[in-house]
Amino acid sequence: MIKFIKNFRKDEDGAVTVDWVVLTAAVIGLAAVAYQQIEAGATGLATDVNTALTSATISTGDRTGAAGGITGEGTNN
């Protein structure tokens, strides 16, 4: 019985598996956090673009030959 306990304590076959499980869980956790940050940024950007496009006015010009263009909030015109 003492020999069995000594051999069991020296045996490291399962240690590599445990290391890989912990490493894989850490990678998955970091990927989930990164996804949340990217998703939040993309949603904010899409909202800003939607607001800018909704408030823009597109002009095709007038009969006097004035050029058309896009005017509205967020443009330099």
PDB file of N, CA and C in Angstrom:
ATOM      1  N   MET A   1       0.819  -1.195   0.000  1.00  0.00           N
ATOM      2  CA  MET A   1       0.000   0.000   0.000  1.00  0.00           C
ATOM      3  C   MET A   1       0.866   1.263   0.000  1.00  0.00           C
ATOM      4  N   ILE A   2       1.937   1.273   0.751  1.00  0.00           N
ATOM      5  CA  ILE A   2       2.838   2.425   0.802  1.00  0.00           C
ATOM      6  C   ILE A   2       3.508   2.610  -0.561  1.00  0.00           C
ATOM      7  N   LYS A   3       3.853   1.516  -1.222  1.00  0.00           N
ATOM      8  CA  LYS A   3       4.459   1.587  -2.545  1.00  0.00           C
ATOM      9  C   LYS A   3       3.467   2.208  -3.539  1.00  0.00           C
ATOM     10  N   PHE A   4       2.201   1.833  -3.432  1.00  0.00           N
ATOM     11  CA  PHE A   4       1.163   2.395  -4.310  1.00  0.00           C
ATOM     12  C   PHE A   4       1.027   3.908  -4.108  1.00  0.00           C
ATOM     13  N   ILE A   5       1.039   4.346  -2.873  1.00  0.00           N
ATOM     14  CA  ILE A   5       0.907   5.776  -2.576  1.00  0.00           C
ATOM     15  C   ILE A   5       2.113   6.546  -3.098  1.00  0.00           C
ATOM     16  N   LYS A   6       3.313   6.012  -2.955  1.00  0.00           N
ATOM     17  CA  LYS A   6       4.523   6.668  -3.454  1.00  0.00           C
ATOM     18  C   LYS A   6       4.491   6.765  -4.981  1.00  0.00           C
ATOM     19  N   ASN A   7       4.071   5.697  -5.628  1.00  0.00           N
ATOM     20  CA  ASN A   7       3.974   5.724  -7.095  1.00  0.00           C
ATOM     21  C   ASN A   7       2.896   6.709  -7.560  1.00  0.00           C
ATOM     22  N   PHE A   8       1.794   6.749  -6.844  1.00  0.00           N
ATOM     23  CA  PHE A   8       0.703   7.666  -7.203  1.00  0.00           C
ATOM     24  C   PHE A   8       1.155   9.121  -7.084  1.00  0.00           C
ATOM     25  N   ARG A   9       1.912   9.414  -6.050  1.00  0.00           N
ATOM     26  CA  ARG A   9       2.402  10.768  -5.830  1.00  0.00           C
ATOM     27  C   ARG A   9       3.422  11.181  -6.894  1.00  0.00           C
ATOM     28  N   LYS A  10       4.219  10.251  -7.395  1.00  0.00           N
ATOM     29  CA  LYS A  10       5.223  10.548  -8.411  1.00  0.00           C
ATOM     30  C   LYS A  10       4.641  10.610  -9.821  1.00  0.00           C
ATOM     31  N   ASP A  11       3.498   9.993 -10.019  1.00  0.00           N
ATOM     32  CA  ASP A  11       2.904   9.915 -11.348  1.00  0.00           C
ATOM     33  C   ASP A  11       2.423  11.295 -11.794  1.00  0.00           C
ATOM     34  N   GLU A  12       2.842  11.755 -12.981  1.00  0.00           N
ATOM     35  CA  GLU A  12       2.488  13.069 -13.483  1.00  0.00           C
ATOM     36  C   GLU A  12       1.737  12.989 -14.815  1.00  0.00           C
ATOM     37  N   ASP A  13       1.164  11.860 -15.148  1.00  0.00           N
ATOM     38  CA  ASP A  13       0.484  11.698 -16.437  1.00  0.00           C
ATOM     39  C   ASP A  13      -0.703  12.648 -16.589  1.00  0.00           C
ATOM     40  N   GLY A  14      -1.479  12.864 -15.560  1.00  0.00           N
ATOM     41  CA  GLY A  14      -2.651  13.718 -15.656  1.00  0.00           C
ATOM     42  C   GLY A  14      -2.350  15.194 -15.520  1.00  0.00           C
ATOM     43  N   ALA A  15      -1.165  15.553 -15.090  1.00  0.00           N
ATOM     44  CA  ALA A  15      -0.829  16.961 -14.851  1.00  0.00           C
ATOM     45  C   ALA A  15      -0.843  17.766 -16.148  1.00  0.00           C
ATOM     46  N   VAL A  16      -0.386  17.177 -17.240  1.00  0.00           N
ATOM     47  CA  VAL A  16      -0.368  17.880 -18.520  1.00  0.00           C
ATOM     48  C   VAL A  16      -1.795  18.162 -18.978  1.00  0.00           C
ATOM     49  N   THR A  17      -2.686  17.219 -18.780  1.00  0.00           N
ATOM     50  CA  THR A  17      -4.085  17.398 -19.158  1.00  0.00           C
ATOM     51  C   THR A  17      -4.710  18.536 -18.369  1.00  0.00           C
ATOM     52  N   VAL A  18      -4.440  18.580 -17.088  1.00  0.00           N
ATOM     53  CA  VAL A  18      -4.976  19.652 -16.249  1.00  0.00           C
ATOM     54  C   VAL A  18      -4.428  20.997 -16.710  1.00  0.00           C
ATOM     55  N   ASP A  19      -3.162  21.057 -17.036  1.00  0.00           N
ATOM     56  CA  ASP A  19      -2.564  22.304 -17.526  1.00  0.00           C
ATOM     57  C   ASP A  19      -3.261  22.777 -18.799  1.00  0.00           C
ATOM     58  N   TRP A  20      -3.513  21.864 -19.728  1.00  0.00           N
ATOM     59  CA  TRP A  20      -4.170  22.236 -20.985  1.00  0.00           C
ATOM     60  C   TRP A  20      -5.611  22.684 -20.758  1.00  0.00           C
ATOM     61  N   VAL A  21      -6.298  22.043 -19.832  1.00  0.00           N
ATOM     62  CA  VAL A  21      -7.677  22.444 -19.542  1.00  0.00           C
ATOM     63  C   VAL A  21      -7.706  23.864 -18.977  1.00  0.00           C
ATOM     64  N   VAL A  22      -6.822  24.164 -18.057  1.00  0.00           N
ATOM     65  CA  VAL A  22      -6.764  25.501 -17.462  1.00  0.00           C
ATOM     66  C   VAL A  22      -6.371  26.536 -18.515  1.00  0.00           C
ATOM     67  N   LEU A  23      -5.393  26.230 -19.337  1.00  0.00           N
ATOM     68  CA  LEU A  23      -4.956  27.142 -20.391  1.00  0.00           C
ATOM     69  C   LEU A  23      -6.074  27.401 -21.403  1.00  0.00           C
ATOM     70  N   THR A  24      -6.778  26.355 -21.806  1.00  0.00           N
ATOM     71  CA  THR A  24      -7.882  26.503 -22.753  1.00  0.00           C
ATOM     72  C   THR A  24      -9.008  27.344 -22.157  1.00  0.00           C
ATOM     73  N   ALA A  25      -9.330  27.125 -20.902  1.00  0.00           N
ATOM     74  CA  ALA A  25     -10.368  27.917 -20.247  1.00  0.00           C
ATOM     75  C   ALA A  25      -9.968  29.397 -20.177  1.00  0.00           C
ATOM     76  N   ALA A  26      -8.713  29.671 -19.927  1.00  0.00           N
ATOM     77  CA  ALA A  26      -8.242  31.059 -19.878  1.00  0.00           C
ATOM     78  C   ALA A  26      -8.346  31.724 -21.254  1.00  0.00           C
ATOM     79  N   VAL A  27      -7.981  31.008 -22.293  1.00  0.00           N
ATOM     80  CA  VAL A  27      -8.066  31.552 -23.650  1.00  0.00           C
ATOM     81  C   VAL A  27      -9.518  31.830 -24.022  1.00  0.00           C
ATOM     82  N   ILE A  28     -10.417  30.936 -23.690  1.00  0.00           N
ATOM     83  CA  ILE A  28     -11.836  31.133 -23.981  1.00  0.00           C
ATOM     84  C   ILE A  28     -12.375  32.331 -23.201  1.00  0.00           C
ATOM     85  N   GLY A  29     -11.976  32.475 -21.955  1.00  0.00           N
ATOM     86  CA  GLY A  29     -12.410  33.613 -21.158  1.00  0.00           C
ATOM     87  C   GLY A  29     -11.932  34.934 -21.730  1.00  0.00           C
ATOM     88  N   LEU A  30     -10.674  34.998 -22.149  1.00  0.00           N
ATOM     89  CA  LEU A  30     -10.146  36.221 -22.749  1.00  0.00           C
ATOM     90  C   LEU A  30     -10.827  36.530 -24.081  1.00  0.00           C
ATOM     91  N   ALA A  31     -11.126  35.495 -24.854  1.00  0.00           N
ATOM     92  CA  ALA A  31     -11.818  35.707 -26.123  1.00  0.00           C
ATOM     93  C   ALA A  31     -13.222  36.264 -25.889  1.00  0.00           C
ATOM     94  N   ALA A  32     -13.901  35.789 -24.854  1.00  0.00           N
ATOM     95  CA  ALA A  32     -15.245  36.288 -24.543  1.00  0.00           C
ATOM     96  C   ALA A  32     -15.195  37.758 -24.135  1.00  0.00           C
ATOM     97  N   VAL A  33     -14.210  38.135 -23.347  1.00  0.00           N
ATOM     98  CA  VAL A  33     -14.067  39.539 -22.938  1.00  0.00           C
ATOM     99  C   VAL A  33     -13.758  40.416 -24.151  1.00  0.00           C
ATOM    100  N   ALA A  34     -12.868  39.962 -25.007  1.00  0.00           N
ATOM    101  CA  ALA A  34     -12.531  40.729 -26.209  1.00  0.00           C
ATOM    102  C   ALA A  34     -13.751  40.878 -27.118  1.00  0.00           C
ATOM    103  N   TYR A  35     -14.533  39.823 -27.262  1.00  0.00           N
ATOM    104  CA  TYR A  35     -15.741  39.885 -28.092  1.00  0.00           C
ATOM    105  C   TYR A  35     -16.720  40.924 -27.544  1.00  0.00           C
ATOM    106  N   GLN A  36     -16.896  40.964 -26.249  1.00  0.00           N
ATOM    107  CA  GLN A  36     -17.815  41.926 -25.650  1.00  0.00           C
ATOM    108  C   GLN A  36     -17.371  43.357 -25.923  1.00  0.00           C
ATOM    109  N   GLN A  37     -16.077  43.617 -25.832  1.00  0.00           N
ATOM    110  CA  GLN A  37     -15.556  44.963 -26.074  1.00  0.00           C
ATOM    111  C   GLN A  37     -15.717  45.363 -27.544  1.00  0.00           C
ATOM    112  N   ILE A  38     -15.424  44.456 -28.439  1.00  0.00           N
ATOM    113  CA  ILE A  38     -15.550  44.741 -29.869  1.00  0.00           C
ATOM    114  C   ILE A  38     -17.014  44.952 -30.236  1.00  0.00           C
ATOM    115  N   GLU A  39     -17.893  44.134 -29.692  1.00  0.00           N
ATOM    116  CA  GLU A  39     -19.319  44.242 -29.984  1.00  0.00           C
ATOM    117  C   GLU A  39     -19.881  45.575 -29.506  1.00  0.00           C
ATOM    118  N   ALA A  40     -19.474  46.008 -28.333  1.00  0.00           N
ATOM    119  CA  ALA A  40     -19.949  47.281 -27.794  1.00  0.00           C
ATOM    120  C   ALA A  40     -19.451  48.448 -28.654  1.00  0.00           C
ATOM    121  N   GLY A  41     -18.211  48.412 -29.084  1.00  0.00           N
ATOM    122  CA  GLY A  41     -17.664  49.463 -29.932  1.00  0.00           C
ATOM    123  C   GLY A  41     -18.339  49.510 -31.295  1.00  0.00           C
ATOM    124  N   ALA A  42     -18.599  48.340 -31.872  1.00  0.00           N
ATOM    125  CA  ALA A  42     -19.250  48.290 -33.182  1.00  0.00           C
ATOM    126  C   ALA A  42     -20.687  48.799 -33.103  1.00  0.00           C
ATOM    127  N   THR A  43     -21.376  48.497 -32.018  1.00  0.00           N
ATOM    128  CA  THR A  43     -22.744  48.987 -31.844  1.00  0.00           C
ATOM    129  C   THR A  43     -22.758  50.503 -31.718  1.00  0.00           C
ATOM    130  N   GLY A  44     -21.837  51.055 -30.961  1.00  0.00           N
ATOM    131  CA  GLY A  44     -21.741  52.508 -30.820  1.00  0.00           C
ATOM    132  C   GLY A  44     -21.431  53.188 -32.142  1.00  0.00           C
ATOM    133  N   LEU A  45     -20.518  52.605 -32.907  1.00  0.00           N
ATOM    134  CA  LEU A  45     -20.169  53.165 -34.209  1.00  0.00           C
ATOM    135  C   LEU A  45     -21.366  53.115 -35.156  1.00  0.00           C
ATOM    136  N   ALA A  46     -22.087  52.008 -35.167  1.00  0.00           N
ATOM    137  CA  ALA A  46     -23.263  51.886 -36.035  1.00  0.00           C
ATOM    138  C   ALA A  46     -24.325  52.910 -35.661  1.00  0.00           C
ATOM    139  N   THR A  47     -24.497  53.169 -34.377  1.00  0.00           N
ATOM    140  CA  THR A  47     -25.459  54.181 -33.935  1.00  0.00           C
ATOM    141  C   THR A  47     -25.042  55.569 -34.405  1.00  0.00           C
ATOM    142  N   ASP A  48     -23.757  55.885 -34.296  1.00  0.00           N
ATOM    143  CA  ASP A  48     -23.261  57.191 -34.747  1.00  0.00           C
ATOM    144  C   ASP A  48     -23.442  57.365 -36.262  1.00  0.00           C
ATOM    145  N   VAL A  49     -23.162  56.324 -37.020  1.00  0.00           N
ATOM    146  CA  VAL A  49     -23.323  56.391 -38.469  1.00  0.00           C
ATOM    147  C   VAL A  49     -24.795  56.574 -38.829  1.00  0.00           C
ATOM    148  N   ASN A  50     -25.667  55.842 -38.156  1.00  0.00           N
ATOM    149  CA  ASN A  50     -27.099  55.965 -38.404  1.00  0.00           C
ATOM    150  C   ASN A  50     -27.580  57.391 -38.124  1.00  0.00           C
ATOM    151  N   THR A  51     -27.117  57.971 -37.033  1.00  0.00           N
ATOM    152  CA  THR A  51     -27.505  59.343 -36.692  1.00  0.00           C
ATOM    153  C   THR A  51     -27.021  60.323 -37.755  1.00  0.00           C
ATOM    154  N   ALA A  52     -25.794  60.173 -38.193  1.00  0.00           N
ATOM    155  CA  ALA A  52     -25.237  61.079 -39.204  1.00  0.00           C
ATOM    156  C   ALA A  52     -25.975  60.946 -40.528  1.00  0.00           C
ATOM    157  N   LEU A  53     -26.285  59.735 -40.932  1.00  0.00           N
ATOM    158  CA  LEU A  53     -26.974  59.538 -42.205  1.00  0.00           C
ATOM    159  C   LEU A  53     -28.422  59.995 -42.147  1.00  0.00           C
ATOM    160  N   THR A  54     -29.053  59.838 -41.004  1.00  0.00           N
ATOM    161  CA  THR A  54     -30.442  60.271 -40.857  1.00  0.00           C
ATOM    162  C   THR A  54     -30.555  61.783 -40.940  1.00  0.00           C
ATOM    163  N   SER A  55     -29.587  62.507 -40.399  1.00  0.00           N
ATOM    164  CA  SER A  55     -29.667  63.966 -40.373  1.00  0.00           C
ATOM    165  C   SER A  55     -29.078  64.619 -41.629  1.00  0.00           C
ATOM    166  N   ALA A  56     -28.515  63.843 -42.537  1.00  0.00           N
ATOM    167  CA  ALA A  56     -27.905  64.408 -43.741  1.00  0.00           C
ATOM    168  C   ALA A  56     -28.973  64.728 -44.793  1.00  0.00           C
ATOM    169  N   THR A  57     -28.706  65.768 -45.564  1.00  0.00           N
ATOM    170  CA  THR A  57     -29.573  66.156 -46.672  1.00  0.00           C
ATOM    171  C   THR A  57     -28.757  66.086 -47.956  1.00  0.00           C
ATOM    172  N   ILE A  58     -29.293  65.410 -48.955  1.00  0.00           N
ATOM    173  CA  ILE A  58     -28.588  65.257 -50.221  1.00  0.00           C
ATOM    174  C   ILE A  58     -29.230  66.186 -51.242  1.00  0.00           C
ATOM    175  N   SER A  59     -28.401  67.022 -51.863  1.00  0.00           N
ATOM    176  CA  SER A  59     -28.869  67.972 -52.860  1.00  0.00           C
ATOM    177  C   SER A  59     -28.246  67.625 -54.204  1.00  0.00           C
ATOM    178  N   THR A  60     -29.054  67.659 -55.256  1.00  0.00           N
ATOM    179  CA  THR A  60     -28.534  67.377 -56.591  1.00  0.00           C
ATOM    180  C   THR A  60     -28.202  68.659 -57.342  1.00  0.00           C
ATOM    181  N   GLY A  61     -28.259  69.781 -56.675  1.00  0.00           N
ATOM    182  CA  GLY A  61     -27.952  71.051 -57.319  1.00  0.00           C
ATOM    183  C   GLY A  61     -29.230  71.807 -57.638  1.00  0.00           C
ATOM    184  N   ASP A  62     -29.072  72.933 -58.303  1.00  0.00           N
ATOM    185  CA  ASP A  62     -30.250  73.699 -58.698  1.00  0.00           C
ATOM    186  C   ASP A  62     -30.144  74.104 -60.165  1.00  0.00           C
ATOM    187  N   ARG A  63     -31.126  74.798 -60.643  1.00  0.00           N
ATOM    188  CA  ARG A  63     -31.184  75.150 -62.073  1.00  0.00           C
ATOM    189  C   ARG A  63     -30.137  76.190 -62.475  1.00  0.00           C
ATOM    190  N   THR A  64     -29.559  76.873 -61.519  1.00  0.00           N
ATOM    191  CA  THR A  64     -28.569  77.901 -61.855  1.00  0.00           C
ATOM    192  C   THR A  64     -27.183  77.308 -62.064  1.00  0.00           C
ATOM    193  N   GLY A  65     -27.040  76.016 -61.857  1.00  0.00           N
ATOM    194  CA  GLY A  65     -25.749  75.367 -62.064  1.00  0.00           C
ATOM    195  C   GLY A  65     -24.948  75.161 -60.798  1.00  0.00           C
ATOM    196  N   ALA A  66     -25.532  75.491 -59.630  1.00  0.00           N
ATOM    197  CA  ALA A  66     -24.825  75.262 -58.371  1.00  0.00           C
ATOM    198  C   ALA A  66     -24.679  73.761 -58.132  1.00  0.00           C
ATOM    199  N   ALA A  67     -23.536  73.403 -57.647  1.00  0.00           N
ATOM    200  CA  ALA A  67     -23.268  71.980 -57.434  1.00  0.00           C
ATOM    201  C   ALA A  67     -24.075  71.444 -56.270  1.00  0.00           C
ATOM    202  N   GLY A  68     -24.389  70.175 -56.335  1.00  0.00           N
ATOM    203  CA  GLY A  68     -25.077  69.511 -55.240  1.00  0.00           C
ATOM    204  C   GLY A  68     -24.094  68.958 -54.244  1.00  0.00           C
ATOM    205  N   GLY A  69     -24.576  68.216 -53.301  1.00  0.00           N
ATOM    206  CA  GLY A  69     -23.719  67.608 -52.302  1.00  0.00           C
ATOM    207  C   GLY A  69     -24.508  67.174 -51.095  1.00  0.00           C
ATOM    208  N   ILE A  70     -23.801  66.815 -50.079  1.00  0.00           N
ATOM    209  CA  ILE A  70     -24.419  66.362 -48.837  1.00  0.00           C
ATOM    210  C   ILE A  70     -24.218  67.444 -47.793  1.00  0.00           C
ATOM    211  N   THR A  71     -25.287  67.836 -47.165  1.00  0.00           N
ATOM    212  CA  THR A  71     -25.203  68.821 -46.085  1.00  0.00           C
ATOM    213  C   THR A  71     -25.910  68.254 -44.879  1.00  0.00           C
ATOM    214  N   GLY A  72     -25.570  68.760 -43.733  1.00  0.00           N
ATOM    215  CA  GLY A  72     -26.214  68.308 -42.512  1.00  0.00           C
ATOM    216  C   GLY A  72     -25.248  68.291 -41.366  1.00  0.00           C
ATOM    217  N   GLU A  73     -25.695  67.764 -40.259  1.00  0.00           N
ATOM    218  CA  GLU A  73     -24.881  67.715 -39.053  1.00  0.00           C
ATOM    219  C   GLU A  73     -23.667  66.828 -39.287  1.00  0.00           C
ATOM    220  N   GLY A  74     -22.518  67.299 -38.879  1.00  0.00           N
ATOM    221  CA  GLY A  74     -21.306  66.495 -38.976  1.00  0.00           C
ATOM    222  C   GLY A  74     -20.559  66.670 -40.283  1.00  0.00           C
ATOM    223  N   THR A  75     -21.031  67.510 -41.185  1.00  0.00           N
ATOM    224  CA  THR A  75     -20.291  67.756 -42.420  1.00  0.00           C
ATOM    225  C   THR A  75     -19.630  69.120 -42.377  1.00  0.00           C
ATOM    226  N   ASN A  76     -18.731  69.378 -43.270  1.00  0.00           N
ATOM    227  CA  ASN A  76     -18.002  70.641 -43.304  1.00  0.00           C
ATOM    228  C   ASN A  76     -18.686  71.689 -44.184  1.00  0.00           C
ATOM    229  N   ASN A  77     -19.832  71.403 -44.740  1.00  0.00           N
ATOM    230  CA  ASN A  77     -20.525  72.347 -45.634  1.00  0.00           C
ATOM    231  C   ASN A  77     -21.314  73.356 -44.878  1.00  0.00           C
TER     232      ASN A  77
END
